[in-house]
Amino acid sequence: MSNPVLIGDFLHRIKRPINLEPTSRYKLVTVKLYHKGVVLREEKLGADIKSKMYQVKEGDFIFSGIDARNGAFGIVPPELDGAVVTNDFWCFEIDDDVVDKSFFLELTSTHWFDEICRKGSDGTTQRIRLQKDKFFNQTIYLPDLTEQRVFNKQFQAIKARSTTLSSELTHQQALLKKLRQQILQEAIEGKLTAEWRAQNPDVEPASELLKRIATEKAQLVKDKKIKAQKPLPPITDEEKPFELPQGWEWCRLADVTYGFQYGTSSKSKKTGDVPVLRMGNIQSGDIDWDGLVYSNDPVEIEKYELIEGDVLFNRTNSRELVGKTALYRGEHPAIYAGYLVRFHMAGSISPDYANLVMNSRLHSAWCDEVKTDALGQSNINATKLSNFRFPLAAIDEQEKIVDKAYKLLAICDQLETQITQNQNHAEQLMQAVLKEAFSHNSAAEPAAKNNKVSADTPEAARA
């Protein structure tokens, strides 16, 4: 059986004013949105803190008065014992004669509790805050303490198993990521096609392909269709990261492309005629068509229009994201922004093969080697990109490499889908257990009206 209680019956606000010493350093606390907990925001000298501050203790339950309705609450961890907050954060003691603390913390992880905070908040659009009377005077229904503790013991056992499962699934995702990289690496080292080469010893070597490309590009320069490139230094033995199979060749990326072009620097629009691909649209070898911006300028569209087979290289971003590369397959008309570099493979080189190379460990290691870092951004310009060491296979072998690598990567996609589904099922199980705990006596309880919110109603138990 559940009993009606006011929020103010078991949450008691605490204020611990503190006089700051000008020469002492203090930890300032913030609370993340969406149940992500209490964290350190920064450390400051007392002389640099201008607001009135209050001390928090390990185990305190604290809210952001502004963002509680968005899940900004949590327990102060041991490492933040004695930290300070402004008056925008509400600090509470939990009365364990009314509610078991562990049980209550599980309640706060639900959207049901977010709704309590929303009902207890008021103000203008930009200044919505928790209001003391509205928040504390809400009625909820709680099981008795014995039932709370029985539930919490059972739930913690389920939660522990769920955590173990989640850790295992995260570990599987990490292994799958390594497997993808191993497939790409073996592809560009010729290991995936070793048997095919043994069965096809008379395939034209890549050196002949390089000669044909050089002849073709010389003619295009003569016809003024492309610009002449500066001579590139030969690749020394010391530069070669691994030994290539017989018939393959190391070359510079510029040797096997028609050149490199930066994208448009014009400001894009939220709606328009043609999408403008940006850094965020370059994802693990493919184009992500979400979050698009657009161009309506016909001159811009004509100048930067992508053609099927173009490769897009992300020349600047964080250290982890610079160098991301994707293949444009012509799915939709599009142009590209200035932080991207476009290139097209020369001759009959497979753009899919180039995409495999540009998403391999070979390429990511090279990006780490040549990038420059400044103001939190890493950069690799087109000149550096032109010098990338590219492992060139014969045309026929490129096709076999792409076919085999894509089949293996498709299996990885299937495995990743299964892992994601398992993660979703684990989360749904946890939420179902919480819902069952809060709704099992719903038929016996009055419906929540006005400011009354029952922990036993299905609506309240949404998580």
Protein backbone atom coordinates (compact mmCIF):
# COMPACT_ATOMS: atom_id res chain seq x y z
CA MET A 1 0.00 0.00 0.00
CA SER A 2 1.26 3.49 -0.84
CA ASN A 3 0.91 6.60 1.27
CA PRO A 4 0.50 10.23 0.22
CA VAL A 5 3.42 12.47 1.22
CA LEU A 6 4.49 16.00 0.34
CA ILE A 7 7.87 16.54 -1.32
CA GLY A 8 8.63 18.83 1.60
CA ASP A 9 8.03 15.96 4.04
CA PHE A 10 11.26 14.23 3.09
CA LEU A 11 13.40 16.77 1.22
CA HIS A 12 14.75 19.42 3.59
CA ARG A 13 16.68 22.29 2.07
CA ILE A 14 20.06 23.10 3.62
CA LYS A 15 22.08 26.30 3.32
CA ARG A 16 25.70 26.39 4.49
CA PRO A 17 26.97 29.93 3.81
CA ILE A 18 30.74 30.14 3.58
CA ASN A 19 33.11 33.08 3.92
CA LEU A 20 35.68 32.70 1.16
CA GLU A 21 39.35 33.25 1.89
CA PRO A 22 40.86 35.38 -0.90
CA THR A 23 44.04 33.26 -1.21
CA SER A 24 42.39 29.84 -0.94
CA ARG A 25 41.29 27.77 -3.92
CA TYR A 26 37.73 26.44 -4.09
CA LYS A 27 36.06 23.76 -6.18
CA LEU A 28 32.95 25.04 -7.92
CA VAL A 29 30.23 22.48 -8.61
CA THR A 30 27.76 22.20 -11.46
CA VAL A 31 25.03 19.65 -12.20
CA LYS A 32 24.72 18.18 -15.68
CA LEU A 33 21.41 17.88 -17.50
CA TYR A 34 19.51 14.65 -18.11
CA HIS A 35 20.60 12.73 -14.99
CA LYS A 36 24.32 12.94 -15.76
CA GLY A 37 25.27 13.88 -12.24
CA VAL A 38 27.21 16.34 -10.12
CA VAL A 39 30.62 17.34 -11.51
CA LEU A 40 33.46 19.80 -10.97
CA ARG A 41 33.02 22.92 -13.10
CA GLU A 42 36.28 24.70 -12.25
CA GLU A 43 38.60 25.78 -9.45
CA LYS A 44 39.04 29.42 -8.48
CA LEU A 45 40.75 31.59 -5.91
CA GLY A 46 38.36 33.04 -3.35
CA ALA A 47 39.32 36.54 -4.53
CA ASP A 48 38.00 35.72 -8.01
CA ILE A 49 34.57 34.52 -6.83
CA LYS A 50 32.14 37.44 -6.64
CA SER A 51 28.88 35.62 -5.77
CA LYS A 52 27.64 34.54 -2.35
CA MET A 53 28.61 30.85 -2.05
CA TYR A 54 27.33 27.85 -0.11
CA GLN A 55 29.17 24.69 0.86
CA VAL A 56 28.05 21.18 -0.10
CA LYS A 57 28.91 17.90 1.58
CA GLU A 58 29.40 14.37 0.30
CA GLY A 59 26.01 12.68 -0.03
CA ASP A 60 23.98 15.89 -0.35
CA PHE A 61 21.22 15.82 -2.92
CA ILE A 62 21.43 18.99 -5.05
CA PHE A 63 19.32 20.55 -7.82
CA SER A 64 19.97 23.25 -10.33
CA GLY A 65 17.11 25.63 -9.60
CA ILE A 66 17.06 26.60 -13.27
CA ASP A 67 17.48 23.18 -14.91
CA ALA A 68 15.95 20.70 -12.45
CA ARG A 69 13.05 20.25 -14.89
CA ASN A 70 15.67 18.92 -17.35
CA GLY A 71 17.15 16.31 -15.03
CA ALA A 72 19.86 18.52 -13.48
CA PHE A 73 20.13 16.92 -10.05
CA GLY A 74 22.27 14.36 -8.28
CA ILE A 75 24.30 13.29 -5.26
CA VAL A 76 27.53 15.08 -4.32
CA PRO A 77 30.40 12.55 -4.80
CA PRO A 78 33.23 12.12 -2.26
CA GLU A 79 35.76 14.07 -4.35
CA LEU A 80 33.52 17.18 -4.20
CA ASP A 81 32.99 17.14 -0.44
CA GLY A 82 33.42 20.74 0.74
CA ALA A 83 32.96 22.26 -2.73
CA VAL A 84 30.90 25.41 -3.19
CA VAL A 85 27.82 26.42 -5.20
CA THR A 86 25.83 29.58 -5.83
CA ASN A 87 22.29 30.11 -4.58
CA ASP A 88 21.06 28.82 -7.97
CA PHE A 89 21.72 25.31 -6.65
CA TRP A 90 19.41 23.86 -4.01
CA CYS A 91 20.97 21.50 -1.49
CA PHE A 92 18.87 18.92 0.41
CA GLU A 93 19.00 16.35 3.15
CA ILE A 94 16.78 13.31 2.56
CA ASP A 95 14.65 12.24 5.54
CA ASP A 96 15.18 8.47 5.64
CA ASP A 97 12.26 8.05 8.05
CA VAL A 98 10.00 8.80 5.08
CA VAL A 99 11.87 7.55 2.06
CA ASP A 100 14.79 5.18 1.63
CA LYS A 101 17.63 7.20 0.13
CA SER A 102 18.62 4.57 -2.42
CA PHE A 103 14.99 4.06 -3.44
CA PHE A 104 14.57 7.81 -3.86
CA LEU A 105 17.66 8.06 -6.06
CA GLU A 106 16.16 5.47 -8.41
CA LEU A 107 12.96 7.54 -8.50
CA THR A 108 14.94 10.57 -9.61
CA SER A 109 16.28 8.71 -12.66
CA THR A 110 12.82 8.66 -14.25
CA HIS A 111 10.95 11.19 -16.38
CA TRP A 112 8.28 10.94 -13.68
CA PHE A 113 10.57 12.89 -11.34
CA ASP A 114 11.47 15.35 -14.14
CA GLU A 115 7.73 16.04 -14.36
CA ILE A 116 7.60 16.80 -10.62
CA CYS A 117 10.37 19.35 -11.13
CA ARG A 118 8.56 20.85 -14.12
CA LYS A 119 5.34 21.17 -12.08
CA GLY A 120 7.37 22.84 -9.32
CA SER A 121 8.94 25.41 -11.66
CA ASP A 122 7.59 28.73 -12.88
CA GLY A 123 8.69 31.99 -14.46
CA THR A 124 9.14 33.67 -17.82
CA THR A 125 10.48 31.72 -20.80
CA GLN A 126 14.11 32.66 -20.14
CA ARG A 127 13.91 32.59 -16.32
CA ILE A 128 12.01 29.43 -15.39
CA ARG A 129 13.13 28.26 -11.93
CA LEU A 130 12.06 25.94 -9.15
CA GLN A 131 9.57 27.71 -6.88
CA LYS A 132 9.78 26.73 -3.21
CA ASP A 133 6.05 26.42 -2.46
CA LYS A 134 5.10 24.84 -5.80
CA PHE A 135 7.85 22.25 -5.49
CA PHE A 136 7.56 21.31 -1.80
CA ASN A 137 3.74 21.19 -1.72
CA GLN A 138 3.33 18.54 -4.41
CA THR A 139 1.84 15.25 -3.20
CA ILE A 140 3.24 11.91 -4.33
CA TYR A 141 2.45 8.34 -3.30
CA LEU A 142 5.22 6.19 -1.83
CA PRO A 143 5.22 2.55 -0.67
CA ASP A 144 6.07 2.04 3.00
CA LEU A 145 9.76 1.87 3.95
CA THR A 146 9.87 -1.93 4.15
CA GLU A 147 8.50 -2.26 0.64
CA GLN A 148 10.85 0.45 -0.63
CA ARG A 149 13.85 -1.41 0.74
CA VAL A 150 12.72 -4.78 -0.60
CA PHE A 151 12.26 -3.26 -4.03
CA ASN A 152 15.58 -1.45 -3.90
CA LYS A 153 17.48 -4.63 -2.93
CA GLN A 154 15.94 -6.49 -5.86
CA PHE A 155 16.43 -3.58 -8.22
CA GLN A 156 20.11 -3.15 -7.30
CA ALA A 157 20.72 -6.82 -8.13
CA ILE A 158 19.06 -6.31 -11.53
CA LYS A 159 20.98 -3.08 -12.01
CA ALA A 160 24.28 -4.81 -11.27
CA ARG A 161 23.52 -7.46 -13.89
CA SER A 162 22.49 -4.75 -16.33
CA THR A 163 25.73 -2.85 -15.67
CA THR A 164 27.73 -6.02 -16.32
CA LEU A 165 25.81 -6.57 -19.55
CA SER A 166 26.30 -2.96 -20.60
CA SER A 167 30.05 -3.20 -19.94
CA GLU A 168 30.24 -6.37 -22.02
CA LEU A 169 28.33 -4.74 -24.88
CA THR A 170 30.61 -1.69 -24.73
CA HIS A 171 33.60 -4.05 -24.83
CA GLN A 172 32.11 -5.79 -27.86
CA GLN A 173 31.71 -2.43 -29.60
CA ALA A 174 35.37 -1.63 -28.94
CA LEU A 175 36.43 -5.02 -30.32
CA LEU A 176 34.21 -4.47 -33.36
CA LYS A 177 35.86 -1.11 -34.01
CA LYS A 178 39.26 -2.79 -33.90
CA LEU A 179 38.01 -5.51 -36.24
CA ARG A 180 36.89 -2.89 -38.78
CA GLN A 181 40.31 -1.29 -38.70
CA GLN A 182 42.00 -4.66 -39.04
CA ILE A 183 39.89 -5.45 -42.12
CA LEU A 184 40.85 -2.11 -43.69
CA GLN A 185 44.52 -2.58 -42.85
CA GLU A 186 44.65 -6.09 -44.29
CA ALA A 187 42.84 -4.81 -47.37
CA ILE A 188 45.43 -2.12 -48.15
CA GLU A 189 48.34 -4.42 -47.30
CA GLY A 190 47.10 -6.95 -49.85
CA LYS A 191 46.42 -9.66 -47.27
CA LEU A 192 42.74 -10.05 -48.18
CA THR A 193 43.66 -10.82 -51.77
CA ALA A 194 46.83 -12.90 -51.32
CA GLU A 195 45.09 -16.02 -52.66
CA TRP A 196 43.69 -14.10 -55.64
CA ARG A 197 47.17 -12.84 -56.57
CA ALA A 198 48.53 -16.36 -56.45
CA GLN A 199 45.83 -17.42 -58.91
CA ASN A 200 46.40 -14.37 -61.16
CA PRO A 201 50.17 -13.90 -61.49
CA ASP A 202 50.00 -12.07 -64.85
CA VAL A 203 48.01 -9.02 -63.71
CA GLU A 204 49.44 -5.73 -64.98
CA PRO A 205 51.61 -4.19 -62.20
CA ALA A 206 50.70 -0.87 -60.62
CA SER A 207 53.86 0.70 -62.09
CA GLU A 208 52.24 0.55 -65.56
CA LEU A 209 49.11 2.18 -64.20
CA LEU A 210 51.22 5.03 -62.79
CA LYS A 211 52.84 5.56 -66.20
CA ARG A 212 49.46 5.79 -67.93
CA ILE A 213 48.15 8.25 -65.34
CA ALA A 214 51.25 10.43 -65.72
CA THR A 215 50.75 10.50 -69.51
CA GLU A 216 47.04 11.31 -69.15
CA LYS A 217 47.67 14.13 -66.69
CA ALA A 218 50.41 15.62 -68.88
CA GLN A 219 47.94 15.82 -71.75
CA LEU A 220 45.27 17.39 -69.52
CA VAL A 221 47.80 20.03 -68.42
CA LYS A 222 48.67 20.68 -72.06
CA ASP A 223 44.96 21.06 -72.85
CA LYS A 224 44.65 23.43 -69.86
CA LYS A 225 42.02 21.24 -68.21
CA ILE A 226 44.02 20.79 -65.00
CA LYS A 227 46.90 22.67 -63.44
CA ALA A 228 50.44 21.29 -63.49
CA GLN A 229 51.50 20.03 -60.10
CA LYS A 230 54.84 20.68 -58.48
CA PRO A 231 57.25 17.71 -58.63
CA LEU A 232 56.91 15.55 -55.54
CA PRO A 233 59.84 13.85 -53.80
CA PRO A 234 60.16 10.10 -54.28
CA ILE A 235 59.12 7.90 -51.37
CA THR A 236 62.21 6.68 -49.55
CA ASP A 237 62.48 3.25 -47.95
CA GLU A 238 62.45 4.95 -44.54
CA GLU A 239 59.04 6.47 -45.30
CA LYS A 240 57.38 3.20 -46.25
CA PRO A 241 55.27 2.03 -43.28
CA PHE A 242 55.10 -1.59 -44.48
CA GLU A 243 56.16 -3.79 -47.38
CA LEU A 244 53.72 -4.04 -50.27
CA PRO A 245 52.98 -7.20 -52.27
CA GLN A 246 54.80 -7.75 -55.54
CA GLY A 247 53.22 -5.67 -58.31
CA TRP A 248 52.02 -2.90 -55.96
CA GLU A 249 53.63 0.57 -55.74
CA TRP A 250 53.95 3.32 -53.16
CA CYS A 251 53.08 6.73 -54.62
CA ARG A 252 52.05 10.17 -53.48
CA LEU A 253 48.31 10.85 -53.40
CA ALA A 254 48.81 13.76 -55.82
CA ASP A 255 50.30 11.30 -58.34
CA VAL A 256 46.96 9.51 -58.65
CA THR A 257 44.46 12.39 -58.44
CA TYR A 258 43.53 15.33 -60.68
CA GLY A 259 44.27 17.86 -57.95
CA PHE A 260 42.76 19.22 -54.73
CA GLN A 261 40.10 21.90 -54.32
CA TYR A 262 38.82 23.66 -51.22
CA GLY A 263 35.06 24.15 -50.86
CA THR A 264 32.89 27.26 -50.66
CA SER A 265 33.39 29.82 -47.91
CA SER A 266 29.98 31.47 -48.43
CA LYS A 267 27.48 31.39 -45.60
CA SER A 268 24.90 28.64 -46.07
CA LYS A 269 21.14 28.77 -45.47
CA LYS A 270 18.76 26.58 -43.48
CA THR A 271 16.71 25.90 -46.61
CA GLY A 272 17.56 26.03 -50.28
CA ASP A 273 18.14 24.25 -53.55
CA VAL A 274 21.30 22.22 -53.02
CA PRO A 275 22.83 20.77 -49.80
CA VAL A 276 26.24 22.05 -48.67
CA LEU A 277 28.20 19.19 -47.09
CA ARG A 278 30.17 20.18 -43.99
CA MET A 279 32.57 18.54 -41.54
CA GLY A 280 29.78 16.87 -39.59
CA ASN A 281 28.48 15.17 -42.73
CA ILE A 282 31.73 13.19 -43.14
CA GLN A 283 31.29 9.98 -41.15
CA SER A 284 33.52 6.86 -41.35
CA GLY A 285 33.80 6.77 -45.12
CA ASP A 286 30.20 7.74 -45.88
CA ILE A 287 28.12 10.89 -46.19
CA ASP A 288 25.66 11.57 -43.38
CA TRP A 289 22.72 13.41 -44.95
CA ASP A 290 21.31 14.71 -41.65
CA GLY A 291 21.79 18.25 -40.34
CA LEU A 292 22.16 19.77 -43.80
CA VAL A 293 22.48 23.42 -44.79
CA TYR A 294 21.87 24.72 -48.31
CA SER A 295 22.88 27.06 -51.12
CA ASN A 296 20.68 28.95 -53.59
CA ASP A 297 23.54 30.60 -55.52
CA PRO A 298 23.73 29.17 -59.08
CA VAL A 299 27.33 30.37 -59.55
CA GLU A 300 28.41 28.73 -56.29
CA ILE A 301 26.53 25.55 -57.11
CA GLU A 302 28.15 25.25 -60.53
CA LYS A 303 31.66 25.91 -59.15
CA TYR A 304 31.50 23.46 -56.22
CA GLU A 305 29.13 20.80 -57.53
CA LEU A 306 30.26 17.31 -56.58
CA ILE A 307 30.43 14.46 -59.07
CA GLU A 308 30.07 10.78 -58.30
CA GLY A 309 33.36 9.32 -57.12
CA ASP A 310 34.65 12.51 -55.47
CA VAL A 311 36.45 11.97 -52.18
CA LEU A 312 35.98 14.56 -49.42
CA PHE A 313 38.70 15.13 -46.83
CA ASN A 314 38.11 17.01 -43.56
CA ARG A 315 41.09 19.33 -43.32
CA THR A 316 40.41 20.89 -39.90
CA ASN A 317 38.66 19.88 -36.70
CA SER A 318 39.52 18.43 -33.32
CA ARG A 319 42.54 16.14 -33.12
CA GLU A 320 40.31 13.08 -33.33
CA LEU A 321 38.26 14.24 -36.32
CA VAL A 322 40.74 15.97 -38.63
CA GLY A 323 41.41 13.76 -41.64
CA LYS A 324 37.98 12.11 -41.71
CA THR A 325 37.27 11.12 -45.28
CA ALA A 326 34.14 10.02 -47.16
CA LEU A 327 33.18 9.00 -50.68
CA TYR A 328 30.46 10.93 -52.50
CA ARG A 329 28.39 8.35 -54.38
CA GLY A 330 26.08 10.78 -56.17
CA GLU A 331 23.04 10.00 -54.00
CA HIS A 332 21.87 13.64 -54.06
CA PRO A 333 23.12 16.79 -55.79
CA ALA A 334 25.48 18.57 -53.39
CA ILE A 335 28.32 21.04 -53.01
CA TYR A 336 30.89 21.20 -50.19
CA ALA A 337 32.09 23.72 -47.62
CA GLY A 338 35.50 25.31 -47.26
CA TYR A 339 36.73 23.11 -44.42
CA LEU A 340 36.62 20.15 -46.80
CA VAL A 341 39.03 19.26 -49.59
CA ARG A 342 37.76 17.48 -52.70
CA PHE A 343 39.80 15.19 -54.93
CA HIS A 344 39.00 12.70 -57.67
CA MET A 345 41.07 9.63 -58.44
CA ALA A 346 42.86 9.66 -61.79
CA GLY A 347 42.66 7.00 -64.49
CA SER A 348 40.52 4.05 -63.59
CA ILE A 349 41.54 3.88 -59.91
CA SER A 350 38.59 2.70 -57.84
CA PRO A 351 37.21 5.51 -55.65
CA ASP A 352 35.96 2.81 -53.26
CA TYR A 353 39.51 1.48 -52.94
CA ALA A 354 40.76 5.02 -52.26
CA ASN A 355 38.06 5.39 -49.61
CA LEU A 356 39.26 2.22 -47.89
CA VAL A 357 42.81 3.56 -47.84
CA MET A 358 41.71 6.96 -46.51
CA ASN A 359 39.81 5.37 -43.60
CA SER A 360 42.56 2.93 -42.58
CA ARG A 361 45.04 3.03 -39.71
CA LEU A 362 47.69 3.93 -42.28
CA HIS A 363 45.89 7.19 -43.01
CA SER A 364 44.97 8.04 -39.41
CA ALA A 365 48.59 7.48 -38.32
CA TRP A 366 49.76 9.76 -41.13
CA CYS A 367 47.28 12.45 -40.04
CA ASP A 368 48.72 12.31 -36.52
CA GLU A 369 52.19 12.61 -38.03
CA VAL A 370 51.62 15.72 -40.20
CA LYS A 371 48.80 17.74 -38.59
CA THR A 372 49.44 21.09 -36.93
CA ASP A 373 47.62 22.01 -33.73
CA ALA A 374 46.54 25.49 -32.66
CA LEU A 375 43.76 26.83 -30.42
CA GLY A 376 42.20 23.41 -29.95
CA GLN A 377 42.03 22.76 -33.70
CA SER A 378 44.13 20.47 -35.87
CA ASN A 379 44.83 21.25 -39.51
CA ILE A 380 46.10 19.39 -42.58
CA ASN A 381 46.15 21.51 -45.73
CA ALA A 382 45.98 20.36 -49.35
CA THR A 383 49.75 20.62 -49.80
CA LYS A 384 50.33 18.10 -47.02
CA LEU A 385 47.50 15.93 -48.30
CA SER A 386 49.12 15.74 -51.72
CA ASN A 387 52.15 14.07 -50.09
CA PHE A 388 50.21 11.26 -48.42
CA ARG A 389 51.86 7.88 -49.07
CA PHE A 390 49.31 5.87 -51.06
CA PRO A 391 49.59 2.06 -51.53
CA LEU A 392 48.57 1.45 -55.14
CA ALA A 393 47.34 -1.97 -56.27
CA ALA A 394 46.61 -3.08 -59.81
CA ILE A 395 43.16 -2.11 -61.11
CA ASP A 396 41.85 -5.69 -61.20
CA GLU A 397 43.05 -6.33 -57.67
CA GLN A 398 41.47 -3.08 -56.42
CA GLU A 399 38.07 -4.43 -57.47
CA LYS A 400 38.66 -7.70 -55.59
CA ILE A 401 39.86 -5.82 -52.49
CA VAL A 402 36.77 -3.60 -52.46
CA ASP A 403 34.42 -6.55 -52.94
CA LYS A 404 35.95 -8.62 -50.14
CA ALA A 405 36.42 -5.72 -47.70
CA TYR A 406 32.85 -4.50 -48.14
CA LYS A 407 31.45 -7.97 -47.53
CA LEU A 408 33.42 -8.24 -44.29
CA LEU A 409 32.44 -4.72 -43.23
CA ALA A 410 28.78 -5.56 -43.91
CA ILE A 411 29.08 -8.41 -41.40
CA CYS A 412 30.50 -5.89 -38.90
CA ASP A 413 27.46 -3.66 -39.56
CA GLN A 414 25.15 -6.57 -38.75
CA LEU A 415 27.03 -7.31 -35.54
CA GLU A 416 26.89 -3.64 -34.52
CA THR A 417 23.13 -3.59 -35.11
CA GLN A 418 22.75 -6.61 -32.84
CA ILE A 419 24.85 -4.97 -30.12
CA THR A 420 22.80 -1.77 -30.33
CA GLN A 421 19.57 -3.77 -30.11
CA ASN A 422 20.88 -5.61 -27.05
CA GLN A 423 21.78 -2.29 -25.41
CA ASN A 424 18.28 -0.97 -26.09
CA HIS A 425 16.71 -4.14 -24.71
CA ALA A 426 18.79 -3.86 -21.53
CA GLU A 427 17.69 -0.25 -21.04
CA GLN A 428 14.05 -1.16 -21.71
CA LEU A 429 14.28 -3.91 -19.10
CA MET A 430 15.54 -1.46 -16.48
CA GLN A 431 12.76 0.99 -17.25
CA ALA A 432 10.16 -1.79 -17.16
CA VAL A 433 11.32 -2.81 -13.68
CA LEU A 434 11.06 0.79 -12.46
CA LYS A 435 7.61 1.15 -14.00
CA GLU A 436 6.43 -2.05 -12.34
CA ALA A 437 7.64 -0.82 -8.95
CA PHE A 438 5.78 2.47 -9.29
CA SER A 439 2.57 1.16 -10.86
CA HIS A 440 1.75 -2.11 -9.09
CA ASN A 441 -0.85 -0.46 -6.78
CA SER A 442 -2.22 1.99 -9.36
CA ALA A 443 -5.71 0.48 -9.25
CA ALA A 444 -5.92 1.15 -5.52
CA GLU A 445 -4.70 4.75 -5.68
CA PRO A 446 -6.69 7.86 -6.66
CA ALA A 447 -5.71 9.41 -9.96
CA ALA A 448 -3.19 12.22 -9.68
CA LYS A 449 -4.98 15.56 -9.86
CA ASN A 450 -3.89 19.14 -9.65
CA ASN A 451 -0.50 19.00 -7.89
CA LYS A 452 -0.80 15.34 -6.87
CA VAL A 453 1.62 13.07 -8.70
CA SER A 454 1.51 9.35 -7.95
CA ALA A 455 4.59 7.18 -8.21
CA ASP A 456 2.18 4.34 -8.86
CA THR A 457 0.53 5.62 -12.05
CA PRO A 458 1.72 4.35 -15.43
CA GLU A 459 1.88 7.92 -16.74
CA ALA A 460 4.13 8.98 -13.87
CA ALA A 461 6.40 5.99 -14.35
CA ARG A 462 7.48 6.94 -17.88
CA ALA A 463 11.26 6.71 -17.99
